[in-house]
Amino acid sequence: MVEALVESMSFRHIGVVAEEYAVSKDGMRMFGCSISKPAWKDADSRFGLRISHDKSFRLSCTVGVCVFVCENLAFSGDFTAVLAKALEELLARR
């Protein structure tokens, strides 16, 4: 899933500068954050992602200058997409 999102951003000329992902102890939840830099801007932005295999929450992503993603379900950013179904369909096409 992460590879599909990074590939999708690269099609839009947005490069990933750094990434950090973590999985919960039981392996049922994944959280992550990446720093991306668009080719046309000097500033960078953050992209947060979380998903659970145990259905405790849906696929969610957030974007912004300051993004917070935590295992205790804290999740915030400047813009949080609520179109989880659209994201899941995008990833299913891959």
N, C-alpha and C. Protein backbone atom coordinates (compact mmCIF):
# COMPACT_ATOMS: atom_id res chain seq x y z
N MET A 1 0.81 -1.18 0.00
CA MET A 1 0.00 0.00 0.00
C MET A 1 0.87 1.26 0.00
N VAL A 2 1.91 1.27 0.82
CA VAL A 2 2.80 2.42 0.88
C VAL A 2 3.48 2.63 -0.46
N GLU A 3 3.91 1.55 -1.09
CA GLU A 3 4.56 1.66 -2.40
C GLU A 3 3.61 2.26 -3.43
N ALA A 4 2.34 1.89 -3.39
CA ALA A 4 1.36 2.45 -4.33
C ALA A 4 1.16 3.94 -4.11
N LEU A 5 1.12 4.36 -2.86
CA LEU A 5 0.96 5.79 -2.57
C LEU A 5 2.19 6.59 -2.99
N VAL A 6 3.38 6.06 -2.73
CA VAL A 6 4.62 6.74 -3.14
C VAL A 6 4.69 6.83 -4.67
N GLU A 7 4.31 5.75 -5.34
CA GLU A 7 4.31 5.75 -6.80
C GLU A 7 3.30 6.77 -7.34
N SER A 8 2.13 6.84 -6.72
CA SER A 8 1.12 7.81 -7.14
C SER A 8 1.60 9.24 -6.96
N MET A 9 2.31 9.51 -5.85
CA MET A 9 2.85 10.85 -5.64
C MET A 9 3.95 11.16 -6.65
N SER A 10 4.75 10.17 -7.02
CA SER A 10 5.83 10.42 -7.99
C SER A 10 5.28 10.76 -9.37
N PHE A 11 4.11 10.23 -9.72
CA PHE A 11 3.48 10.61 -10.98
C PHE A 11 3.13 12.09 -11.00
N ARG A 12 2.93 12.66 -9.84
CA ARG A 12 2.60 14.08 -9.71
C ARG A 12 3.82 14.92 -9.37
N HIS A 13 5.00 14.34 -9.56
CA HIS A 13 6.29 15.01 -9.33
C HIS A 13 6.46 15.43 -7.87
N ILE A 14 6.03 14.57 -6.96
CA ILE A 14 6.21 14.78 -5.53
C ILE A 14 7.13 13.68 -5.03
N GLY A 15 8.32 14.05 -4.62
CA GLY A 15 9.29 13.07 -4.16
C GLY A 15 9.22 12.89 -2.65
N VAL A 16 9.45 11.67 -2.20
CA VAL A 16 9.48 11.37 -0.77
C VAL A 16 10.91 11.53 -0.29
N VAL A 17 11.11 12.41 0.70
CA VAL A 17 12.43 12.69 1.24
C VAL A 17 12.77 11.75 2.38
N ALA A 18 11.79 11.46 3.25
CA ALA A 18 12.01 10.58 4.40
C ALA A 18 10.70 9.87 4.74
N GLU A 19 10.82 8.66 5.29
CA GLU A 19 9.65 7.88 5.68
C GLU A 19 9.90 7.21 7.02
N GLU A 20 8.84 7.04 7.78
CA GLU A 20 8.94 6.30 9.03
C GLU A 20 7.60 5.61 9.27
N TYR A 21 7.64 4.29 9.43
CA TYR A 21 6.43 3.50 9.63
C TYR A 21 6.62 2.59 10.84
N ALA A 22 5.52 2.27 11.50
CA ALA A 22 5.56 1.38 12.65
C ALA A 22 4.34 0.47 12.63
N VAL A 23 4.51 -0.69 13.22
CA VAL A 23 3.43 -1.66 13.33
C VAL A 23 3.22 -1.92 14.81
N SER A 24 1.96 -2.07 15.23
CA SER A 24 1.67 -2.35 16.63
C SER A 24 2.25 -3.70 17.04
N LYS A 25 2.35 -3.93 18.33
CA LYS A 25 2.97 -5.16 18.83
C LYS A 25 2.28 -6.42 18.33
N ASP A 26 0.96 -6.36 18.20
CA ASP A 26 0.24 -7.54 17.71
C ASP A 26 0.20 -7.63 16.19
N GLY A 27 0.75 -6.64 15.51
CA GLY A 27 0.84 -6.66 14.05
C GLY A 27 -0.46 -6.33 13.34
N MET A 28 -1.44 -5.82 14.06
CA MET A 28 -2.75 -5.56 13.46
C MET A 28 -2.95 -4.12 13.00
N ARG A 29 -2.08 -3.20 13.40
CA ARG A 29 -2.22 -1.80 13.03
C ARG A 29 -0.91 -1.25 12.50
N MET A 30 -0.99 -0.43 11.46
CA MET A 30 0.19 0.19 10.89
C MET A 30 0.00 1.69 10.88
N PHE A 31 1.03 2.41 11.27
CA PHE A 31 1.02 3.87 11.31
C PHE A 31 2.26 4.36 10.59
N GLY A 32 2.15 5.49 9.93
CA GLY A 32 3.34 6.00 9.26
C GLY A 32 3.24 7.46 8.90
N CYS A 33 4.39 8.01 8.61
CA CYS A 33 4.49 9.40 8.21
C CYS A 33 5.64 9.54 7.22
N SER A 34 5.45 10.36 6.22
CA SER A 34 6.53 10.62 5.27
C SER A 34 6.63 12.11 5.04
N ILE A 35 7.81 12.53 4.69
CA ILE A 35 8.06 13.93 4.32
C ILE A 35 8.23 13.97 2.82
N SER A 36 7.43 14.78 2.17
CA SER A 36 7.50 14.86 0.71
C SER A 36 7.85 16.27 0.28
N LYS A 37 8.44 16.34 -0.90
CA LYS A 37 8.86 17.64 -1.44
C LYS A 37 8.43 17.71 -2.90
N PRO A 38 7.44 18.56 -3.19
CA PRO A 38 7.04 18.74 -4.59
C PRO A 38 8.16 19.40 -5.39
N ALA A 39 8.27 19.05 -6.64
CA ALA A 39 9.31 19.60 -7.50
C ALA A 39 9.13 21.10 -7.74
N TRP A 40 7.91 21.60 -7.61
CA TRP A 40 7.65 23.00 -7.93
C TRP A 40 7.64 23.93 -6.71
N LYS A 41 7.92 23.40 -5.50
CA LYS A 41 7.89 24.23 -4.29
C LYS A 41 9.19 24.06 -3.50
N ASP A 42 9.54 25.09 -2.74
CA ASP A 42 10.71 25.01 -1.88
C ASP A 42 10.39 24.36 -0.54
N ALA A 43 9.15 24.44 -0.12
CA ALA A 43 8.75 23.90 1.19
C ALA A 43 8.38 22.42 1.06
N ASP A 44 8.53 21.71 2.16
CA ASP A 44 8.12 20.31 2.17
C ASP A 44 6.80 20.17 2.93
N SER A 45 6.19 19.01 2.82
CA SER A 45 4.94 18.73 3.52
C SER A 45 4.99 17.32 4.08
N ARG A 46 4.09 17.04 4.98
CA ARG A 46 4.02 15.73 5.62
C ARG A 46 2.78 14.99 5.17
N PHE A 47 2.90 13.67 5.15
CA PHE A 47 1.80 12.79 4.76
C PHE A 47 1.70 11.71 5.83
N GLY A 48 0.57 11.64 6.51
CA GLY A 48 0.37 10.64 7.56
C GLY A 48 -0.60 9.56 7.08
N LEU A 49 -0.38 8.35 7.53
CA LEU A 49 -1.17 7.20 7.09
C LEU A 49 -1.38 6.27 8.26
N ARG A 50 -2.57 5.68 8.32
CA ARG A 50 -2.82 4.62 9.31
C ARG A 50 -3.84 3.66 8.73
N ILE A 51 -3.71 2.41 9.11
CA ILE A 51 -4.63 1.36 8.65
C ILE A 51 -4.59 0.23 9.68
N SER A 52 -5.71 -0.47 9.82
CA SER A 52 -5.75 -1.59 10.75
C SER A 52 -6.26 -2.84 10.05
N HIS A 53 -5.70 -3.95 10.43
CA HIS A 53 -6.14 -5.23 9.90
C HIS A 53 -7.28 -5.80 10.74
N ASP A 54 -7.38 -5.36 12.00
CA ASP A 54 -8.42 -5.85 12.90
C ASP A 54 -9.70 -5.01 12.84
N LYS A 55 -9.79 -4.11 11.87
CA LYS A 55 -10.96 -3.26 11.62
C LYS A 55 -11.29 -2.33 12.79
N SER A 56 -10.28 -1.97 13.58
CA SER A 56 -10.51 -1.01 14.66
C SER A 56 -10.63 0.41 14.11
N PHE A 57 -10.09 0.65 12.92
CA PHE A 57 -10.30 1.91 12.21
C PHE A 57 -10.03 1.68 10.73
N ARG A 58 -10.55 2.55 9.90
CA ARG A 58 -10.41 2.43 8.44
C ARG A 58 -9.11 3.05 7.98
N LEU A 59 -8.77 2.80 6.75
CA LEU A 59 -7.63 3.44 6.12
C LEU A 59 -7.85 4.94 6.18
N SER A 60 -6.87 5.66 6.72
CA SER A 60 -6.97 7.11 6.83
C SER A 60 -5.65 7.74 6.43
N CYS A 61 -5.73 8.91 5.85
CA CYS A 61 -4.51 9.65 5.54
C CYS A 61 -4.76 11.12 5.82
N THR A 62 -3.69 11.81 6.14
CA THR A 62 -3.75 13.23 6.42
C THR A 62 -2.52 13.89 5.82
N VAL A 63 -2.65 15.15 5.45
CA VAL A 63 -1.57 15.89 4.80
C VAL A 63 -1.48 17.25 5.46
N GLY A 64 -0.27 17.78 5.56
CA GLY A 64 -0.11 19.12 6.08
C GLY A 64 1.33 19.47 6.39
N VAL A 65 1.53 20.65 6.89
CA VAL A 65 2.85 21.09 7.30
C VAL A 65 3.25 20.38 8.59
N CYS A 66 2.28 20.17 9.48
CA CYS A 66 2.51 19.47 10.73
C CYS A 66 1.50 18.32 10.82
N VAL A 67 1.99 17.10 10.87
CA VAL A 67 1.14 15.91 10.91
C VAL A 67 1.49 15.12 12.16
N PHE A 68 0.45 14.59 12.83
CA PHE A 68 0.66 13.78 14.03
C PHE A 68 -0.07 12.46 13.87
N VAL A 69 0.68 11.36 13.92
CA VAL A 69 0.13 10.01 13.81
C VAL A 69 0.68 9.20 14.97
N CYS A 70 -0.21 8.61 15.77
CA CYS A 70 0.24 7.90 16.97
C CYS A 70 -0.53 6.59 17.13
N GLU A 71 0.10 5.63 17.79
CA GLU A 71 -0.52 4.33 18.01
C GLU A 71 -1.74 4.42 18.93
N ASN A 72 -1.83 5.46 19.75
CA ASN A 72 -2.98 5.59 20.64
C ASN A 72 -4.21 6.18 19.92
N LEU A 73 -4.20 6.16 18.60
CA LEU A 73 -5.27 6.60 17.70
C LEU A 73 -5.34 8.11 17.52
N ALA A 74 -4.39 8.86 18.06
CA ALA A 74 -4.31 10.29 17.77
C ALA A 74 -3.86 10.45 16.33
N PHE A 75 -4.56 11.28 15.57
CA PHE A 75 -4.32 11.39 14.14
C PHE A 75 -4.78 12.77 13.70
N SER A 76 -3.86 13.62 13.29
CA SER A 76 -4.27 14.96 12.87
C SER A 76 -3.30 15.53 11.84
N GLY A 77 -3.81 16.48 11.10
CA GLY A 77 -3.03 17.20 10.09
C GLY A 77 -3.86 18.36 9.59
N ASP A 78 -3.33 19.11 8.63
CA ASP A 78 -4.06 20.25 8.09
C ASP A 78 -5.27 19.81 7.27
N PHE A 79 -5.15 18.69 6.59
CA PHE A 79 -6.24 18.16 5.78
C PHE A 79 -6.29 16.65 5.97
N THR A 80 -7.42 16.14 6.41
CA THR A 80 -7.59 14.70 6.60
C THR A 80 -8.64 14.20 5.63
N ALA A 81 -8.24 13.29 4.78
CA ALA A 81 -9.16 12.74 3.79
C ALA A 81 -10.13 11.79 4.48
N VAL A 82 -11.40 11.92 4.16
CA VAL A 82 -12.41 11.02 4.70
C VAL A 82 -12.91 10.07 3.62
N LEU A 83 -12.26 10.06 2.51
CA LEU A 83 -12.65 9.20 1.39
C LEU A 83 -11.90 7.88 1.46
N ALA A 84 -12.01 7.18 2.56
CA ALA A 84 -11.29 5.93 2.74
C ALA A 84 -11.67 4.94 1.66
N LYS A 85 -12.92 4.91 1.27
CA LYS A 85 -13.36 3.97 0.25
C LYS A 85 -12.67 4.26 -1.09
N ALA A 86 -12.54 5.53 -1.45
CA ALA A 86 -11.85 5.89 -2.69
C ALA A 86 -10.39 5.50 -2.63
N LEU A 87 -9.72 5.67 -1.48
CA LEU A 87 -8.33 5.26 -1.33
C LEU A 87 -8.20 3.75 -1.45
N GLU A 88 -9.12 3.02 -0.83
CA GLU A 88 -9.08 1.57 -0.90
C GLU A 88 -9.27 1.09 -2.33
N GLU A 89 -10.15 1.73 -3.09
CA GLU A 89 -10.36 1.36 -4.48
C GLU A 89 -9.12 1.65 -5.32
N LEU A 90 -8.47 2.78 -5.08
CA LEU A 90 -7.24 3.13 -5.79
C LEU A 90 -6.18 2.05 -5.56
N LEU A 91 -6.01 1.64 -4.31
CA LEU A 91 -5.01 0.63 -4.00
C LEU A 91 -5.39 -0.74 -4.53
N ALA A 92 -6.68 -1.04 -4.61
CA ALA A 92 -7.13 -2.33 -5.11
C ALA A 92 -6.85 -2.47 -6.61
N ARG A 93 -6.82 -1.35 -7.33
CA ARG A 93 -6.53 -1.38 -8.78
C ARG A 93 -5.09 -1.74 -9.08
N ARG A 94 -4.20 -1.62 -8.13
CA ARG A 94 -2.77 -1.85 -8.34
C ARG A 94 -2.49 -3.28 -8.42
